[in-house]
Protein backbone atom coordinates (compact mmCIF):
# COMPACT_ATOMS: atom_id res chain seq x y z
CA MET A 1 18.58 -20.83 -51.60
CA ALA A 2 19.81 -18.92 -48.59
CA GLU A 3 20.66 -15.27 -49.07
CA PHE A 4 24.12 -14.02 -48.22
CA LEU A 5 24.79 -10.70 -46.58
CA ASP A 6 27.06 -8.46 -48.61
CA ASP A 7 30.28 -7.48 -46.84
CA SER A 8 29.79 -3.95 -48.12
CA ILE A 9 27.07 -3.37 -45.48
CA ASP A 10 28.33 -1.09 -42.73
CA PHE A 11 27.67 -3.35 -39.73
CA GLU A 12 29.61 -1.06 -37.43
CA ALA A 13 26.95 1.62 -37.90
CA TYR A 14 24.35 -0.74 -36.44
CA MET A 15 26.56 -1.63 -33.50
CA SER A 16 26.85 2.05 -32.59
CA GLU A 17 23.12 2.68 -33.01
CA THR A 18 21.82 4.67 -30.06
CA ASP A 19 19.15 3.40 -27.70
CA ALA A 20 16.87 6.25 -28.83
CA GLN A 21 17.12 5.21 -32.50
CA ALA A 22 16.24 1.64 -31.57
CA ARG A 23 13.26 2.61 -29.42
CA VAL A 24 11.66 5.49 -31.35
CA ARG A 25 8.74 3.98 -33.24
CA PRO A 26 5.77 5.42 -35.15
CA ALA A 27 2.59 5.84 -33.11
CA HIS A 28 0.50 3.55 -35.31
CA ASP A 29 2.64 0.61 -34.12
CA TYR A 30 0.86 0.88 -30.78
CA VAL A 31 -2.75 1.15 -31.97
CA GLN A 32 -3.29 -2.59 -31.71
CA THR A 33 -2.00 -2.42 -28.12
CA LEU A 34 -4.61 0.25 -27.37
CA LYS A 35 -7.36 -1.99 -28.75
CA GLU A 36 -6.16 -4.92 -26.65
CA ARG A 37 -6.08 -2.77 -23.51
CA LEU A 38 -9.61 -1.52 -24.21
CA ARG A 39 -11.06 -5.00 -24.58
CA GLY A 40 -8.90 -6.56 -21.91
CA ARG A 41 -10.03 -4.12 -19.21
CA LYS A 42 -13.23 -6.11 -18.70
CA LYS A 43 -11.16 -9.19 -17.86
CA GLN A 44 -8.52 -7.33 -15.85
CA ARG A 45 -8.18 -8.16 -12.16
CA PHE A 46 -8.16 -5.00 -10.06
CA VAL A 47 -6.59 -4.55 -6.63
CA TYR A 48 -8.18 -1.87 -4.49
CA LEU A 49 -7.81 0.16 -1.32
CA PRO A 50 -9.61 -1.38 1.69
CA TRP A 51 -12.66 0.90 1.48
CA GLU A 52 -15.37 0.10 -1.07
CA LYS A 53 -16.18 3.76 -1.62
CA THR A 54 -12.78 4.24 -3.31
CA GLN A 55 -13.12 1.52 -5.97
CA ALA A 56 -13.84 3.95 -8.81
CA ASN A 57 -11.04 6.31 -7.78
CA PHE A 58 -7.96 4.22 -7.22
CA ASP A 59 -6.48 0.77 -7.81
CA PHE A 60 -3.01 -0.64 -7.26
CA ARG A 61 -1.24 -1.48 -10.52
CA SER A 62 1.74 -3.79 -10.83
CA GLY A 63 5.02 -2.15 -11.75
CA GLU A 64 4.35 1.02 -9.76
CA VAL A 65 5.52 2.78 -6.60
CA THR A 66 3.25 4.45 -4.04
CA VAL A 67 4.48 6.89 -1.38
CA TRP A 68 2.57 7.21 1.91
CA ALA A 69 3.67 10.46 3.56
CA GLY A 70 2.56 12.09 6.77
CA GLN A 71 3.65 14.05 9.80
CA ASN A 72 5.26 12.26 12.71
CA GLY A 73 2.53 10.51 14.73
CA HIS A 74 -0.19 10.87 12.11
CA GLY A 75 -0.64 7.17 11.44
CA LYS A 76 1.36 6.43 8.29
CA SER A 77 2.38 2.96 9.44
CA HIS A 78 -1.12 2.30 10.78
CA ILE A 79 -2.66 3.00 7.37
CA ALA A 80 0.02 0.90 5.66
CA ARG A 81 -0.88 -2.09 7.86
CA ILE A 82 -4.59 -1.78 7.05
CA VAL A 83 -3.77 -1.59 3.34
CA ALA A 84 -1.52 -4.65 3.69
CA LEU A 85 -4.31 -6.65 5.36
CA SER A 86 -6.68 -5.67 2.58
CA LEU A 87 -4.23 -6.68 -0.12
CA MET A 88 -3.85 -10.08 1.49
CA GLY A 89 -7.63 -10.43 1.52
CA GLN A 90 -7.58 -9.74 -2.21
CA GLY A 91 -5.19 -12.61 -2.84
CA GLU A 92 -1.92 -10.63 -2.89
CA ARG A 93 1.36 -11.68 -1.29
CA VAL A 94 2.82 -8.98 0.97
CA CYS A 95 6.13 -8.26 2.70
CA ILE A 96 6.46 -5.53 5.35
CA ALA A 97 9.86 -4.08 6.22
CA ASN A 98 9.26 -1.76 9.17
CA PHE A 99 12.57 -0.40 10.40
CA GLU A 100 10.93 1.47 13.29
CA ALA A 101 9.12 -1.47 14.89
CA LYS A 102 10.09 -5.06 15.58
CA PRO A 103 8.13 -7.71 13.66
CA ALA A 104 6.13 -8.76 16.74
CA VAL A 105 4.92 -5.16 17.23
CA THR A 106 3.82 -4.89 13.59
CA LEU A 107 2.09 -8.26 13.77
CA GLN A 108 0.38 -7.38 17.07
CA ALA A 109 -1.24 -4.31 15.50
CA MET A 110 -2.34 -6.26 12.43
CA ALA A 111 -3.73 -9.13 14.52
CA ARG A 112 -5.80 -6.68 16.56
CA MET A 113 -7.32 -5.24 13.38
CA PHE A 114 -7.91 -8.72 11.98
CA VAL A 115 -9.75 -10.09 15.04
CA GLY A 116 -11.57 -6.78 15.65
CA LYS A 117 -10.88 -6.74 19.39
CA ASN A 118 -8.54 -5.00 21.80
CA PRO A 119 -6.56 -7.75 23.58
CA PHE A 120 -5.69 -5.33 26.38
CA SER A 121 -9.31 -4.66 27.38
CA PRO A 122 -10.17 -5.74 30.95
CA GLU A 123 -12.49 -8.54 29.79
CA TYR A 124 -9.57 -10.35 28.14
CA GLN A 125 -7.16 -10.27 31.07
CA ALA A 126 -8.42 -13.39 32.85
CA ASP A 127 -7.22 -16.81 31.71
CA SER A 128 -10.43 -17.47 29.78
CA GLY A 129 -10.16 -14.13 27.96
CA ILE A 130 -6.51 -14.68 27.11
CA ALA A 131 -7.36 -18.13 25.76
CA ALA A 132 -10.10 -16.64 23.59
CA ILE A 133 -7.70 -14.08 22.09
CA GLU A 134 -5.05 -16.76 21.57
CA SER A 135 -7.55 -18.82 19.58
CA LEU A 136 -8.27 -15.80 17.38
CA TYR A 137 -4.54 -15.25 16.95
CA ASP A 138 -4.24 -18.84 15.77
CA ASP A 139 -6.86 -18.08 13.11
CA PHE A 140 -4.92 -14.98 12.11
CA GLY A 141 -1.65 -16.89 11.90
CA ALA A 142 -3.20 -19.60 9.75
CA TRP A 143 -4.71 -17.00 7.44
CA THR A 144 -1.39 -15.17 6.94
CA ASN A 145 0.44 -18.36 5.95
CA GLY A 146 1.60 -17.93 2.36
CA LYS A 147 0.36 -14.33 2.31
CA LEU A 148 2.53 -12.28 4.67
CA TRP A 149 6.29 -11.97 5.26
CA LEU A 150 8.08 -9.63 7.69
CA TYR A 151 11.65 -8.41 7.21
CA ASP A 152 13.39 -8.70 10.58
CA GLN A 153 15.58 -5.59 10.53
CA PHE A 154 15.19 -2.92 13.21
CA GLY A 155 16.80 0.51 12.95
CA THR A 156 18.80 2.20 10.21
CA THR A 157 19.93 -0.07 7.41
CA GLN A 158 21.76 0.19 4.10
CA ALA A 159 19.92 1.15 0.94
CA GLY A 160 21.57 -1.62 -1.08
CA ARG A 161 20.49 -4.27 1.41
CA VAL A 162 16.87 -3.04 1.32
CA LEU A 163 16.82 -3.02 -2.47
CA GLY A 164 18.32 -6.50 -2.54
CA MET A 165 15.68 -7.73 -0.10
CA THR A 166 12.97 -6.22 -2.30
CA LYS A 167 14.33 -7.99 -5.38
CA TYR A 168 14.50 -11.27 -3.46
CA CYS A 169 10.85 -10.90 -2.46
CA GLY A 170 9.75 -10.37 -6.03
CA LYS A 171 11.98 -12.98 -7.68
CA GLU A 172 12.10 -15.82 -5.15
CA LEU A 173 8.93 -15.52 -3.08
CA GLY A 174 6.45 -14.26 -5.66
CA ILE A 175 5.55 -11.32 -3.41
CA LYS A 176 3.57 -8.62 -5.21
CA HIS A 177 3.60 -5.81 -2.61
CA VAL A 178 6.61 -4.69 -0.57
CA PHE A 179 6.20 -2.03 2.15
CA LEU A 180 9.34 -0.06 3.10
CA ASP A 181 8.75 1.81 6.36
CA ASN A 182 10.38 4.23 6.13
CA LEU A 183 12.62 6.06 3.68
CA ALA A 184 14.57 7.86 6.43
CA LYS A 185 15.88 4.50 7.67
CA CYS A 186 17.03 3.51 4.17
CA VAL A 187 18.84 6.77 3.34
CA ARG A 188 20.49 7.90 6.54
CA ASP A 189 21.00 11.67 6.10
CA GLU A 190 17.96 13.92 5.74
CA ASP A 191 19.85 16.24 3.39
CA ASP A 192 21.20 13.42 1.21
CA TYR A 193 18.96 14.36 -1.70
CA ASN A 194 21.07 12.45 -4.21
CA GLY A 195 20.82 9.33 -2.06
CA GLN A 196 17.05 9.72 -1.76
CA LYS A 197 16.70 10.25 -5.49
CA ALA A 198 18.86 7.20 -6.29
CA PHE A 199 16.93 5.00 -3.84
CA VAL A 200 13.49 5.97 -5.17
CA ASP A 201 14.77 5.63 -8.74
CA GLU A 202 15.96 2.08 -7.99
CA CYS A 203 12.58 1.28 -6.44
CA THR A 204 10.75 2.41 -9.57
CA ALA A 205 13.08 0.29 -11.72
CA ILE A 206 12.62 -2.81 -9.52
CA ALA A 207 8.84 -2.41 -9.45
CA ARG A 208 8.75 -2.10 -13.25
CA ASP A 209 11.20 -4.90 -13.98
CA LEU A 210 9.68 -7.42 -11.53
CA ASP A 211 6.07 -6.29 -12.09
CA ILE A 212 5.49 -5.71 -8.36
CA HIS A 213 4.19 -2.78 -6.32
CA ILE A 214 6.49 -1.02 -3.85
CA HIS A 215 5.07 1.11 -1.03
CA ILE A 216 7.37 3.69 0.57
CA VAL A 217 6.41 5.30 3.88
CA HIS A 218 7.90 8.77 4.34
CA HIS A 219 7.78 11.88 6.50
CA LEU A 220 6.36 15.33 5.88
CA LYS A 221 8.01 18.53 7.01
CA LYS A 222 6.97 19.72 10.46
CA PRO A 223 4.13 22.23 10.01
CA SER A 224 3.68 25.46 11.91
CA ARG A 225 0.61 23.86 13.56
CA GLU A 226 -0.08 20.14 13.89
CA THR A 227 -3.68 20.69 12.77
CA ASP A 228 -2.55 22.08 9.39
CA LYS A 229 -3.65 19.96 6.44
CA PRO A 230 -0.78 18.74 4.24
CA ASP A 231 -0.02 19.38 0.60
CA LYS A 232 2.35 17.90 -1.94
CA GLY A 233 5.00 20.53 -1.26
CA ASP A 234 5.23 19.41 2.37
CA VAL A 235 6.97 16.13 1.53
CA LYS A 236 10.38 16.17 3.21
CA GLY A 237 13.59 15.84 1.23
CA SER A 238 14.34 15.55 -2.47
CA GLY A 239 11.70 16.58 -4.98
CA SER A 240 12.23 13.23 -6.67
CA ILE A 241 10.28 11.59 -3.82
CA VAL A 242 7.19 13.23 -5.31
CA ASP A 243 8.26 13.29 -8.95
CA GLN A 244 9.39 9.70 -9.53
CA PRO A 245 6.71 7.52 -7.87
CA ASP A 246 3.44 6.81 -9.61
CA ASN A 247 1.15 7.52 -6.65
CA LEU A 248 1.26 9.78 -3.61
CA PHE A 249 -0.97 9.69 -0.52
CA LEU A 250 -0.74 12.22 2.30
CA VAL A 251 -1.91 10.91 5.68
CA TRP A 252 -3.53 13.43 8.06
CA ARG A 253 -4.79 12.84 11.60
CA ASN A 254 -7.55 15.06 12.94
CA LYS A 255 -5.79 16.27 16.08
CA ALA A 256 -8.40 18.97 16.70
CA LYS A 257 -11.10 16.32 17.02
CA GLU A 258 -8.93 14.25 19.38
CA ASP A 259 -8.20 17.25 21.58
CA ALA A 260 -11.91 18.16 21.72
CA ARG A 261 -12.85 14.59 22.66
CA LYS A 262 -10.28 14.50 25.46
CA ALA A 263 -11.67 17.79 26.78
CA ASN A 264 -15.28 16.47 26.56
CA LYS A 265 -16.18 19.10 23.99
CA ILE A 266 -18.62 18.57 21.11
CA GLU A 267 -16.60 20.48 18.52
CA HIS A 268 -15.33 18.49 15.52
CA GLN A 269 -17.03 15.25 16.65
CA GLU A 270 -18.86 14.78 13.31
CA GLU A 271 -15.59 15.13 11.40
CA PRO A 272 -13.49 12.14 10.30
CA ASP A 273 -10.65 10.93 12.49
CA GLN A 274 -8.27 10.44 9.59
CA VAL A 275 -8.06 11.73 6.02
CA LEU A 276 -6.06 10.38 3.10
CA TYR A 277 -5.30 12.93 0.40
CA CYS A 278 -4.38 11.32 -2.90
CA LYS A 279 -2.16 13.90 -4.56
CA LYS A 280 -0.90 11.80 -7.43
CA ASN A 281 -2.35 8.90 -9.41
CA ARG A 282 -0.33 8.92 -12.59
CA ASN A 283 -1.92 6.09 -14.53
CA HIS A 284 -5.52 6.41 -13.41
CA GLU A 285 -8.08 5.33 -16.00
CA GLY A 286 -11.78 6.01 -15.66
CA MET A 287 -14.25 8.83 -15.22
CA ALA A 288 -14.10 9.10 -11.42
CA ASP A 289 -11.73 11.51 -9.66
CA GLY A 290 -8.32 9.85 -9.64
CA GLU A 291 -7.06 11.96 -6.74
CA PRO A 292 -9.74 11.47 -4.08
CA THR A 293 -9.89 12.82 -0.55
CA ILE A 294 -10.75 9.80 1.62
CA ALA A 295 -12.39 10.44 4.99
CA LEU A 296 -11.98 7.68 7.59
CA TRP A 297 -13.32 6.98 11.09
CA LEU A 298 -11.42 5.08 13.80
CA HIS A 299 -12.93 2.07 15.55
CA ARG A 300 -10.92 2.25 18.74
CA GLU A 301 -11.28 -1.33 19.96
CA SER A 302 -9.94 -2.87 16.76
CA GLY A 303 -7.74 -0.05 15.47
CA GLN A 304 -9.48 -0.24 12.10
CA PHE A 305 -10.16 2.90 10.07
CA LEU A 306 -13.62 2.62 8.51
CA GLY A 307 -15.16 4.33 5.51
CA SER A 308 -17.96 5.96 7.50
CA ALA A 309 -18.83 6.73 11.10
CA HIS A 310 -21.34 3.87 11.27
CA ALA A 311 -19.68 1.28 9.03
CA SER A 312 -19.32 -2.32 10.18
CA LEU A 313 -15.89 -3.71 10.97
CA MET A 314 -13.92 -4.94 7.99
CA HIS A 315 -13.65 -8.69 7.49
CA PHE A 316 -10.23 -8.98 5.86
CA PRO A 317 -10.28 -12.60 4.57
CA CYS A 318 -12.52 -11.57 1.67
CA TYR A 319 -13.08 -8.54 -0.54
CA PRO A 320 -15.21 -6.49 -0.26
CA HIS A 321 -14.40 -6.73 3.43
CA ARG A 322 -17.90 -7.64 4.59
CA VAL A 323 -18.80 -10.62 6.72
CA PRO A 324 -20.11 -13.21 4.25
CA ALA A 325 -23.82 -13.97 4.43
CA PRO A 326 -24.52 -17.36 6.00
CA GLU A 327 -25.18 -20.16 3.56
CA PRO A 328 -28.84 -21.18 3.40
CA MET A 329 -29.62 -24.32 5.33
CA ALA A 330 -30.43 -27.36 3.25
CA ARG A 331 -34.13 -28.11 3.33
CA GLU A 332 -35.06 -31.60 4.40
CA TRP A 333 -37.87 -33.15 2.41
CA GLU A 334 -39.98 -35.72 4.11
CA ALA A 335 -41.11 -38.72 2.15
CA ALA A 336 -44.75 -38.58 1.27
């Protein structure tokens, strides 16, 4: 027989129950979850940075936000494009919203890195050279189909519109990584700390709720010298830009090396061209350093940043980004 609920129960008390009362649970309730995470890690699919040497240090997790911050002209957008190409090569869907460059400019830079050649070199200026590059661009376009979207919005925009676009990408297109380049174009006033905080807070909520990864490109304060190496405290604007996201990378360009090269000097030439300083990796698991310093070298013809001075160009359609070994030729057996 069904049981009846006594009218003497104070149902109103349950209606007014606070969110904290409903969510506070004893720790042992989660032990089974810990066991499942431990065993499931072997089957988990990881998404990495482009460079193999960083596999043990960092991986992109769904439901998180990463900030890429650097001084003006230090290659923040350049690094973001390389990361985007790598993510696509790992089977991820990507959308790039670059409010400081038109879509064709963003795509031009990515195509150059993909094909590994500088289309403006003298050898490609004749009709035959242009045709060769166009053929490579066709390969690039075919490869991006179903992997890459570009948001066609140039200049300052409204925060609500950007957040709505990000939700649309996650809900309707199944996109897993959205790049917002950059925060200053989404929150108009540099001193609007409340606006910056609210925007980043919304990004963290969207990433969590839609199980996607949001990348925010942002500026650092202008240093006393351009060669100064950045730190976490150099991030411009509200402290929430550092506090709320899950991961923080600082992008630094070795201007001293560039100046020495232009002056035909040998100083600094063994140093990297670019360095990524990971200053936050909130949910890192593993024994390796979760906040690595990543040295990179520029291949000037392609625009790729490589993991060592003598590394081969990255082949983005697969991961790791190495050119696949040729398949062995089938051996023909002659009849006896």
